[in-house]
N, C-alpha and C. Protein backbone atom coordinates (compact mmCIF):
# COMPACT_ATOMS: atom_id res chain seq x y z
N MET A 1 204.17 69.55 65.93
CA MET A 1 203.98 68.56 64.88
C MET A 1 205.32 68.11 64.31
N THR A 2 206.26 69.03 64.19
CA THR A 2 207.57 68.66 63.66
C THR A 2 208.21 67.61 64.56
N SER A 3 208.07 67.78 65.86
CA SER A 3 208.64 66.82 66.80
C SER A 3 208.05 65.42 66.57
N ALA A 4 206.75 65.34 66.39
CA ALA A 4 206.09 64.06 66.15
C ALA A 4 206.56 63.44 64.84
N ARG A 5 206.71 64.27 63.81
CA ARG A 5 207.19 63.76 62.52
C ARG A 5 208.61 63.22 62.64
N MET A 6 209.45 63.92 63.38
CA MET A 6 210.82 63.47 63.53
C MET A 6 210.87 62.16 64.31
N LYS A 7 210.04 62.03 65.35
CA LYS A 7 210.01 60.79 66.12
C LYS A 7 209.55 59.64 65.24
N ARG A 8 208.48 59.87 64.47
CA ARG A 8 207.95 58.82 63.60
C ARG A 8 209.00 58.43 62.57
N GLY A 9 209.65 59.42 61.97
CA GLY A 9 210.69 59.15 60.98
C GLY A 9 211.85 58.37 61.57
N GLY A 10 212.26 58.74 62.75
CA GLY A 10 213.35 58.04 63.41
C GLY A 10 213.00 56.60 63.72
N MET A 11 211.77 56.36 64.15
CA MET A 11 211.34 55.00 64.45
C MET A 11 211.27 54.17 63.18
N LYS A 12 210.83 54.78 62.08
CA LYS A 12 210.75 54.06 60.81
C LYS A 12 212.14 53.66 60.33
N ILE A 13 213.08 54.60 60.44
CA ILE A 13 214.46 54.31 60.01
C ILE A 13 215.05 53.20 60.86
N PHE A 14 214.82 53.26 62.17
CA PHE A 14 215.34 52.22 63.06
C PHE A 14 214.75 50.85 62.71
N ALA A 15 213.43 50.78 62.52
CA ALA A 15 212.78 49.50 62.22
C ALA A 15 213.25 48.96 60.88
N HIS A 16 213.41 49.84 59.90
CA HIS A 16 213.82 49.39 58.57
C HIS A 16 215.27 48.92 58.55
N SER A 17 216.12 49.60 59.29
CA SER A 17 217.53 49.22 59.27
C SER A 17 217.82 48.02 60.17
N ALA A 18 216.88 47.68 61.04
CA ALA A 18 217.10 46.58 61.97
C ALA A 18 217.24 45.24 61.25
N ALA A 19 216.50 45.07 60.17
CA ALA A 19 216.57 43.82 59.40
C ALA A 19 215.95 44.04 58.03
N ARG A 20 216.38 43.25 57.06
CA ARG A 20 215.82 43.39 55.72
C ARG A 20 214.33 43.09 55.72
N LYS A 21 213.91 42.15 56.53
CA LYS A 21 212.50 41.80 56.64
C LYS A 21 211.96 42.31 57.97
N ALA A 22 212.13 43.58 58.20
CA ALA A 22 211.68 44.18 59.45
C ALA A 22 210.17 44.06 59.59
N PRO A 23 209.70 43.93 60.79
CA PRO A 23 208.26 43.81 61.01
C PRO A 23 207.54 45.13 60.71
N ALA A 24 206.28 45.02 60.36
CA ALA A 24 205.46 46.22 60.25
C ALA A 24 205.26 46.74 61.67
N THR A 25 205.25 48.04 61.82
CA THR A 25 205.11 48.65 63.14
C THR A 25 203.83 49.46 63.18
N LEU A 26 203.00 49.22 64.18
CA LEU A 26 201.74 49.94 64.35
C LEU A 26 201.87 50.87 65.54
N PHE A 27 201.64 52.16 65.30
CA PHE A 27 201.70 53.16 66.37
C PHE A 27 200.29 53.55 66.74
N ASP A 28 199.99 53.57 68.02
CA ASP A 28 198.69 53.96 68.53
C ASP A 28 198.88 55.17 69.45
N ASN A 29 197.93 56.07 69.44
CA ASN A 29 198.01 57.29 70.26
C ASN A 29 199.31 58.05 70.00
N PHE A 30 199.56 58.35 68.75
CA PHE A 30 200.79 59.04 68.36
C PHE A 30 200.62 60.55 68.51
N PRO A 31 201.60 61.25 69.08
CA PRO A 31 201.49 62.70 69.27
C PRO A 31 201.22 63.43 67.95
N GLY A 32 200.28 64.35 67.98
CA GLY A 32 199.96 65.13 66.80
C GLY A 32 198.84 64.55 65.96
N TYR A 33 198.34 63.37 66.33
CA TYR A 33 197.23 62.74 65.62
C TYR A 33 196.04 62.59 66.55
N ALA A 34 194.86 62.61 65.98
CA ALA A 34 193.63 62.49 66.77
C ALA A 34 193.59 61.16 67.50
N PRO A 35 192.98 61.14 68.70
CA PRO A 35 192.84 59.87 69.42
C PRO A 35 192.10 58.84 68.56
N GLY A 36 192.58 57.62 68.60
CA GLY A 36 191.97 56.56 67.79
C GLY A 36 192.61 56.39 66.43
N MET A 37 193.38 57.38 65.98
CA MET A 37 194.07 57.27 64.70
C MET A 37 195.34 56.43 64.92
N ARG A 38 195.62 55.57 63.97
CA ARG A 38 196.81 54.74 64.06
C ARG A 38 197.70 55.00 62.86
N ILE A 39 198.98 54.74 63.04
CA ILE A 39 199.96 54.90 61.97
C ILE A 39 200.66 53.56 61.81
N VAL A 40 200.73 53.08 60.58
CA VAL A 40 201.45 51.84 60.33
C VAL A 40 202.66 52.17 59.46
N SER A 41 203.76 51.56 59.77
CA SER A 41 205.00 51.79 59.05
C SER A 41 205.63 50.45 58.69
N GLY A 42 206.26 50.38 57.54
CA GLY A 42 206.98 49.18 57.16
C GLY A 42 206.09 48.08 56.61
N ILE A 43 204.92 48.46 56.11
CA ILE A 43 203.98 47.45 55.62
C ILE A 43 204.52 46.72 54.40
N HIS A 44 205.46 47.33 53.69
CA HIS A 44 206.03 46.69 52.49
C HIS A 44 207.45 46.21 52.71
N ASN A 45 207.84 45.97 53.95
CA ASN A 45 209.21 45.56 54.24
C ASN A 45 209.48 44.09 53.96
N SER A 46 208.48 43.35 53.53
CA SER A 46 208.72 41.96 53.17
C SER A 46 207.99 41.65 51.87
N THR A 47 208.51 40.70 51.14
CA THR A 47 207.91 40.32 49.86
C THR A 47 206.50 39.78 50.08
N ARG A 48 206.31 39.02 51.13
CA ARG A 48 205.00 38.44 51.42
C ARG A 48 203.95 39.52 51.69
N ARG A 49 204.29 40.52 52.49
CA ARG A 49 203.33 41.60 52.78
C ARG A 49 203.05 42.44 51.54
N LEU A 50 204.07 42.66 50.71
CA LEU A 50 203.86 43.41 49.47
C LEU A 50 202.93 42.64 48.54
N ALA A 51 203.12 41.33 48.43
CA ALA A 51 202.24 40.51 47.60
C ALA A 51 200.80 40.60 48.11
N TYR A 52 200.62 40.54 49.41
CA TYR A 52 199.28 40.64 50.00
C TYR A 52 198.65 42.00 49.67
N THR A 53 199.43 43.05 49.81
CA THR A 53 198.93 44.41 49.53
C THR A 53 198.49 44.54 48.08
N LEU A 54 199.23 43.91 47.17
CA LEU A 54 198.91 44.00 45.74
C LEU A 54 197.87 42.97 45.30
N GLY A 55 197.42 42.12 46.22
CA GLY A 55 196.44 41.11 45.89
C GLY A 55 197.00 39.97 45.06
N LEU A 56 198.27 39.67 45.26
CA LEU A 56 198.94 38.60 44.52
C LEU A 56 199.13 37.38 45.41
N PRO A 57 199.44 36.23 44.82
CA PRO A 57 199.68 35.03 45.64
C PRO A 57 200.83 35.25 46.62
N SER A 58 200.69 34.69 47.79
CA SER A 58 201.70 34.84 48.83
C SER A 58 202.99 34.15 48.41
N THR A 59 204.10 34.84 48.54
CA THR A 59 205.41 34.30 48.21
C THR A 59 206.49 35.05 48.97
N ASP A 60 207.60 34.37 49.20
CA ASP A 60 208.77 35.02 49.79
C ASP A 60 209.82 35.34 48.72
N SER A 61 209.55 34.92 47.48
CA SER A 61 210.48 35.12 46.38
C SER A 61 210.17 36.42 45.64
N GLN A 62 211.15 37.32 45.59
CA GLN A 62 210.96 38.57 44.86
C GLN A 62 210.72 38.30 43.38
N MET A 63 211.39 37.32 42.82
CA MET A 63 211.22 36.99 41.40
C MET A 63 209.80 36.49 41.13
N GLU A 64 209.27 35.64 42.01
CA GLU A 64 207.90 35.15 41.84
C GLU A 64 206.89 36.29 41.97
N LEU A 65 207.17 37.23 42.86
CA LEU A 65 206.29 38.39 43.01
C LEU A 65 206.26 39.20 41.71
N VAL A 66 207.42 39.44 41.13
CA VAL A 66 207.49 40.20 39.87
C VAL A 66 206.78 39.44 38.76
N LYS A 67 206.98 38.12 38.68
CA LYS A 67 206.32 37.32 37.64
C LYS A 67 204.80 37.38 37.80
N SER A 68 204.31 37.26 39.03
CA SER A 68 202.86 37.34 39.28
C SER A 68 202.32 38.70 38.91
N TYR A 69 203.05 39.74 39.26
CA TYR A 69 202.61 41.10 38.96
C TYR A 69 202.55 41.32 37.44
N ARG A 70 203.58 40.88 36.74
CA ARG A 70 203.60 41.03 35.28
C ARG A 70 202.47 40.24 34.62
N ALA A 71 202.24 39.02 35.10
CA ALA A 71 201.17 38.20 34.53
C ALA A 71 199.82 38.88 34.73
N ARG A 72 199.60 39.45 35.90
CA ARG A 72 198.32 40.12 36.16
C ARG A 72 198.17 41.37 35.32
N THR A 73 199.22 42.17 35.22
CA THR A 73 199.10 43.40 34.45
C THR A 73 198.95 43.11 32.96
N ASN A 74 199.50 42.01 32.48
CA ASN A 74 199.35 41.66 31.07
C ASN A 74 197.96 41.11 30.76
N SER A 75 197.28 40.55 31.75
CA SER A 75 195.98 39.94 31.47
C SER A 75 194.80 40.75 32.00
N GLU A 76 194.94 41.37 33.14
CA GLU A 76 193.79 42.03 33.78
C GLU A 76 193.87 43.55 33.77
N PHE A 77 194.98 44.10 33.41
CA PHE A 77 195.19 45.54 33.52
C PHE A 77 194.37 46.30 32.49
N LYS A 78 193.61 47.27 32.95
CA LYS A 78 192.81 48.11 32.06
C LYS A 78 193.13 49.58 32.35
N PHE A 79 193.35 50.34 31.31
CA PHE A 79 193.59 51.77 31.49
C PHE A 79 192.29 52.48 31.87
N MET A 80 192.42 53.45 32.73
CA MET A 80 191.26 54.28 33.09
C MET A 80 191.15 55.39 32.05
N PRO A 81 189.93 55.80 31.73
CA PRO A 81 189.79 56.93 30.81
C PRO A 81 190.32 58.21 31.49
N PRO A 82 190.83 59.15 30.70
CA PRO A 82 191.35 60.37 31.31
C PRO A 82 190.25 61.18 31.99
N ALA A 83 190.62 61.84 33.06
CA ALA A 83 189.65 62.69 33.78
C ALA A 83 189.41 63.95 32.98
N ARG A 84 188.20 64.40 33.01
CA ARG A 84 187.85 65.65 32.30
C ARG A 84 187.45 66.71 33.27
């Protein structure tokens, strides 16, 4: 398992350092994981994908992403009651 973790980590570092907007990488049939399980890496490597993940309007501008996030948290954000 350590070998698989090191390979996955190395691939993530390579993909991330390759470019600021590195593509998301999908691994299929990865050693140490059950058949059919997939691993995705770099899903937040671009502003557009991060906006999609957070359910915000699509944008390539980091400033617009932050503004959209702040606007949503100021209007729609509700605290959850504490767990007992």
